[in-house]
Amino acid sequence: MNCKSLMTAGLFALFGSMALAAQADTSVPVETYHYGTHLDVSRVLSIQQADSHTCGVTRSQMNYLDSNGKEHRLQYQSFANDCHEGN
């Protein structure tokens, strides 16, 4: 195999894995947290917060695994990271 063939094969593998990762993201439905919702959180994978340039309530999302290893996405309200010194 020459260098060009190796690079082409590597690019196809890279794009294929990226497509698989993107597909996996859409396969997990986003649940909305309500007071009293039972959560079975074994491991937190990530937490994202919507961009906010003011202090106040904003939308956040937590991706986690339950005790059976199943992935979940939970959307909830939280205070923005821009809230400093209790304001």
N, C-alpha and C. Protein backbone atom coordinates (compact mmCIF):
# COMPACT_ATOMS: atom_id res chain seq x y z
N MET A 1 0.84 -1.18 0.00
CA MET A 1 0.00 0.00 0.00
C MET A 1 0.88 1.24 0.00
N ASN A 2 0.52 2.17 -0.82
CA ASN A 2 1.30 3.41 -0.82
C ASN A 2 0.73 4.41 0.18
N CYS A 3 1.42 5.51 0.35
CA CYS A 3 1.07 6.52 1.35
C CYS A 3 -0.32 7.12 1.07
N LYS A 4 -0.64 7.36 -0.19
CA LYS A 4 -1.93 7.95 -0.55
C LYS A 4 -3.08 7.02 -0.16
N SER A 5 -2.92 5.74 -0.39
CA SER A 5 -3.96 4.77 -0.04
C SER A 5 -4.14 4.71 1.47
N LEU A 6 -3.05 4.76 2.21
CA LEU A 6 -3.13 4.74 3.67
C LEU A 6 -3.85 5.98 4.20
N MET A 7 -3.53 7.12 3.63
CA MET A 7 -4.17 8.36 4.07
C MET A 7 -5.66 8.34 3.75
N THR A 8 -6.01 7.85 2.58
CA THR A 8 -7.42 7.76 2.19
C THR A 8 -8.18 6.82 3.12
N ALA A 9 -7.59 5.68 3.40
CA ALA A 9 -8.22 4.72 4.31
C ALA A 9 -8.37 5.32 5.70
N GLY A 10 -7.38 6.06 6.16
CA GLY A 10 -7.44 6.70 7.47
C GLY A 10 -8.54 7.75 7.53
N LEU A 11 -8.69 8.52 6.46
CA LEU A 11 -9.75 9.54 6.43
C LEU A 11 -11.13 8.89 6.45
N PHE A 12 -11.31 7.81 5.68
CA PHE A 12 -12.60 7.11 5.70
C PHE A 12 -12.90 6.56 7.10
N ALA A 13 -11.89 6.03 7.76
CA ALA A 13 -12.08 5.51 9.12
C ALA A 13 -12.45 6.63 10.08
N LEU A 14 -11.77 7.78 9.94
CA LEU A 14 -12.05 8.92 10.80
C LEU A 14 -13.46 9.44 10.59
N PHE A 15 -13.85 9.65 9.34
CA PHE A 15 -15.20 10.15 9.06
C PHE A 15 -16.26 9.15 9.46
N GLY A 16 -15.97 7.88 9.31
CA GLY A 16 -16.91 6.85 9.72
C GLY A 16 -17.13 6.84 11.22
N SER A 17 -16.05 7.00 11.99
CA SER A 17 -16.19 7.03 13.44
C SER A 17 -16.90 8.29 13.90
N MET A 18 -16.67 9.42 13.21
CA MET A 18 -17.36 10.66 13.55
C MET A 18 -18.85 10.53 13.27
N ALA A 19 -19.20 9.89 12.17
CA ALA A 19 -20.61 9.69 11.84
C ALA A 19 -21.27 8.78 12.86
N LEU A 20 -20.57 7.76 13.30
CA LEU A 20 -21.10 6.85 14.31
C LEU A 20 -21.31 7.58 15.62
N ALA A 21 -20.38 8.44 16.01
CA ALA A 21 -20.52 9.21 17.25
C ALA A 21 -21.70 10.17 17.15
N ALA A 22 -21.87 10.81 16.01
CA ALA A 22 -22.99 11.72 15.82
C ALA A 22 -24.31 10.97 15.86
N GLN A 23 -24.33 9.77 15.30
CA GLN A 23 -25.54 8.96 15.31
C GLN A 23 -25.87 8.52 16.73
N ALA A 24 -24.87 8.20 17.52
CA ALA A 24 -25.09 7.77 18.90
C ALA A 24 -25.69 8.91 19.72
N ASP A 25 -25.31 10.14 19.43
CA ASP A 25 -25.83 11.29 20.17
C ASP A 25 -27.33 11.43 20.01
N THR A 26 -27.87 11.12 18.84
CA THR A 26 -29.29 11.31 18.60
C THR A 26 -30.11 10.11 19.06
N SER A 27 -29.47 9.00 19.38
CA SER A 27 -30.22 7.81 19.76
C SER A 27 -30.67 7.85 21.22
N VAL A 28 -30.10 8.73 22.02
CA VAL A 28 -30.47 8.84 23.44
C VAL A 28 -31.42 10.02 23.59
N PRO A 29 -32.67 9.77 23.97
CA PRO A 29 -33.63 10.87 24.12
C PRO A 29 -33.29 11.75 25.31
N VAL A 30 -33.65 13.02 25.22
CA VAL A 30 -33.41 13.97 26.31
C VAL A 30 -34.65 13.98 27.20
N GLU A 31 -34.44 13.67 28.48
CA GLU A 31 -35.52 13.70 29.46
C GLU A 31 -35.50 15.06 30.15
N THR A 32 -36.65 15.56 30.56
CA THR A 32 -36.73 16.82 31.28
C THR A 32 -36.96 16.53 32.75
N TYR A 33 -36.14 17.13 33.60
CA TYR A 33 -36.25 16.91 35.04
C TYR A 33 -37.46 17.65 35.59
N HIS A 34 -38.21 16.98 36.44
CA HIS A 34 -39.31 17.57 37.19
C HIS A 34 -39.08 17.23 38.66
N TYR A 35 -39.50 18.10 39.54
CA TYR A 35 -39.32 17.86 40.97
C TYR A 35 -39.87 16.48 41.33
N GLY A 36 -39.05 15.68 42.01
CA GLY A 36 -39.47 14.35 42.42
C GLY A 36 -39.09 13.25 41.45
N THR A 37 -38.48 13.60 40.31
CA THR A 37 -38.05 12.60 39.34
C THR A 37 -37.00 11.70 39.98
N HIS A 38 -37.20 10.38 39.90
CA HIS A 38 -36.22 9.43 40.44
C HIS A 38 -35.05 9.35 39.47
N LEU A 39 -33.84 9.56 39.98
CA LEU A 39 -32.64 9.49 39.15
C LEU A 39 -31.77 8.34 39.63
N ASP A 40 -31.29 7.55 38.69
CA ASP A 40 -30.36 6.46 38.97
C ASP A 40 -29.04 6.82 38.29
N VAL A 41 -28.24 7.65 38.94
CA VAL A 41 -27.00 8.14 38.35
C VAL A 41 -25.83 7.36 38.94
N SER A 42 -25.17 6.59 38.09
CA SER A 42 -24.00 5.84 38.52
C SER A 42 -22.71 6.60 38.18
N ARG A 43 -22.71 7.23 36.99
CA ARG A 43 -21.52 7.96 36.55
C ARG A 43 -21.93 9.12 35.65
N VAL A 44 -21.48 10.32 35.97
CA VAL A 44 -21.75 11.49 35.15
C VAL A 44 -20.72 11.54 34.02
N LEU A 45 -21.20 11.61 32.77
CA LEU A 45 -20.32 11.66 31.61
C LEU A 45 -19.96 13.10 31.26
N SER A 46 -20.95 14.00 31.30
CA SER A 46 -20.69 15.40 30.99
C SER A 46 -21.85 16.26 31.47
N ILE A 47 -21.55 17.54 31.66
CA ILE A 47 -22.57 18.54 31.99
C ILE A 47 -22.32 19.74 31.09
N GLN A 48 -23.36 20.17 30.38
CA GLN A 48 -23.27 21.35 29.54
C GLN A 48 -24.29 22.37 30.01
N GLN A 49 -23.94 23.64 29.84
CA GLN A 49 -24.84 24.72 30.22
C GLN A 49 -24.99 25.66 29.02
N ALA A 50 -26.22 26.09 28.77
CA ALA A 50 -26.48 27.03 27.67
C ALA A 50 -25.70 28.31 27.93
N ASP A 51 -25.21 28.93 26.86
CA ASP A 51 -24.48 30.19 26.99
C ASP A 51 -25.40 31.27 27.55
N SER A 52 -24.93 31.93 28.58
CA SER A 52 -25.69 33.01 29.19
C SER A 52 -24.70 34.09 29.60
N HIS A 53 -25.02 35.32 29.26
CA HIS A 53 -24.12 36.43 29.59
C HIS A 53 -24.66 37.25 30.76
N THR A 54 -25.68 36.73 31.42
CA THR A 54 -26.24 37.41 32.57
C THR A 54 -26.41 36.41 33.71
N CYS A 55 -26.56 36.93 34.89
CA CYS A 55 -26.80 36.08 36.06
C CYS A 55 -28.29 35.74 36.09
N GLY A 56 -28.60 34.48 36.15
CA GLY A 56 -29.99 34.06 36.20
C GLY A 56 -30.10 32.58 35.92
N VAL A 57 -31.32 32.12 35.75
CA VAL A 57 -31.59 30.71 35.49
C VAL A 57 -31.37 30.42 34.01
N THR A 58 -30.72 29.30 33.75
CA THR A 58 -30.43 28.89 32.38
C THR A 58 -30.67 27.39 32.24
N ARG A 59 -30.66 26.91 31.03
CA ARG A 59 -30.89 25.49 30.74
C ARG A 59 -29.56 24.73 30.79
N SER A 60 -29.55 23.59 31.45
CA SER A 60 -28.37 22.73 31.52
C SER A 60 -28.74 21.32 31.11
N GLN A 61 -27.74 20.54 30.75
CA GLN A 61 -27.97 19.14 30.38
C GLN A 61 -26.88 18.27 30.98
N MET A 62 -27.27 17.16 31.59
CA MET A 62 -26.33 16.21 32.15
C MET A 62 -26.46 14.89 31.40
N ASN A 63 -25.35 14.36 30.93
CA ASN A 63 -25.29 13.05 30.31
C ASN A 63 -24.69 12.10 31.33
N TYR A 64 -25.37 10.98 31.58
CA TYR A 64 -24.90 10.07 32.63
C TYR A 64 -25.25 8.62 32.31
N LEU A 65 -24.62 7.72 33.05
CA LEU A 65 -24.91 6.29 32.97
C LEU A 65 -25.65 5.89 34.24
N ASP A 66 -26.66 5.03 34.07
CA ASP A 66 -27.35 4.51 35.25
C ASP A 66 -26.63 3.28 35.78
N SER A 67 -27.17 2.64 36.80
CA SER A 67 -26.50 1.50 37.43
C SER A 67 -26.43 0.28 36.51
N ASN A 68 -27.21 0.27 35.41
CA ASN A 68 -27.15 -0.81 34.43
C ASN A 68 -26.23 -0.48 33.26
N GLY A 69 -25.62 0.72 33.26
CA GLY A 69 -24.73 1.13 32.19
C GLY A 69 -25.44 1.77 31.01
N LYS A 70 -26.74 2.04 31.14
CA LYS A 70 -27.51 2.68 30.07
C LYS A 70 -27.31 4.19 30.13
N GLU A 71 -27.10 4.81 28.96
CA GLU A 71 -26.86 6.25 28.91
C GLU A 71 -28.17 7.02 28.94
N HIS A 72 -28.16 8.14 29.67
CA HIS A 72 -29.32 9.03 29.77
C HIS A 72 -28.86 10.46 29.56
N ARG A 73 -29.81 11.30 29.11
CA ARG A 73 -29.58 12.74 28.99
C ARG A 73 -30.71 13.43 29.74
N LEU A 74 -30.34 14.30 30.66
CA LEU A 74 -31.31 14.97 31.49
C LEU A 74 -31.17 16.48 31.34
N GLN A 75 -32.26 17.14 30.99
CA GLN A 75 -32.27 18.59 30.85
C GLN A 75 -32.91 19.17 32.11
N TYR A 76 -32.31 20.24 32.65
CA TYR A 76 -32.80 20.84 33.88
C TYR A 76 -32.43 22.32 33.92
N GLN A 77 -32.98 23.04 34.88
CA GLN A 77 -32.70 24.46 35.07
C GLN A 77 -31.63 24.63 36.15
N SER A 78 -30.71 25.57 35.94
CA SER A 78 -29.68 25.86 36.93
C SER A 78 -29.31 27.34 36.84
N PHE A 79 -28.60 27.82 37.86
CA PHE A 79 -28.10 29.19 37.79
C PHE A 79 -26.92 29.26 36.84
N ALA A 80 -26.85 30.33 36.07
CA ALA A 80 -25.77 30.51 35.10
C ALA A 80 -24.42 30.62 35.79
N ASN A 81 -23.38 30.21 35.09
CA ASN A 81 -22.03 30.31 35.64
C ASN A 81 -21.59 31.75 35.83
N ASP A 82 -22.28 32.70 35.21
CA ASP A 82 -21.91 34.12 35.33
C ASP A 82 -22.40 34.73 36.64
N CYS A 83 -23.04 33.96 37.51
CA CYS A 83 -23.50 34.48 38.80
C CYS A 83 -22.34 34.42 39.78
N HIS A 84 -21.82 35.57 40.17
CA HIS A 84 -20.68 35.66 41.07
C HIS A 84 -21.09 36.33 42.38
N GLU A 85 -20.49 35.91 43.45
CA GLU A 85 -20.66 36.51 44.77
C GLU A 85 -22.13 36.56 45.20
N GLY A 86 -22.91 35.55 44.83
CA GLY A 86 -24.28 35.44 45.29
C GLY A 86 -25.25 36.41 44.66
N ASN A 87 -24.87 37.11 43.61
CA ASN A 87 -25.78 38.08 42.96
C ASN A 87 -26.59 37.41 41.89
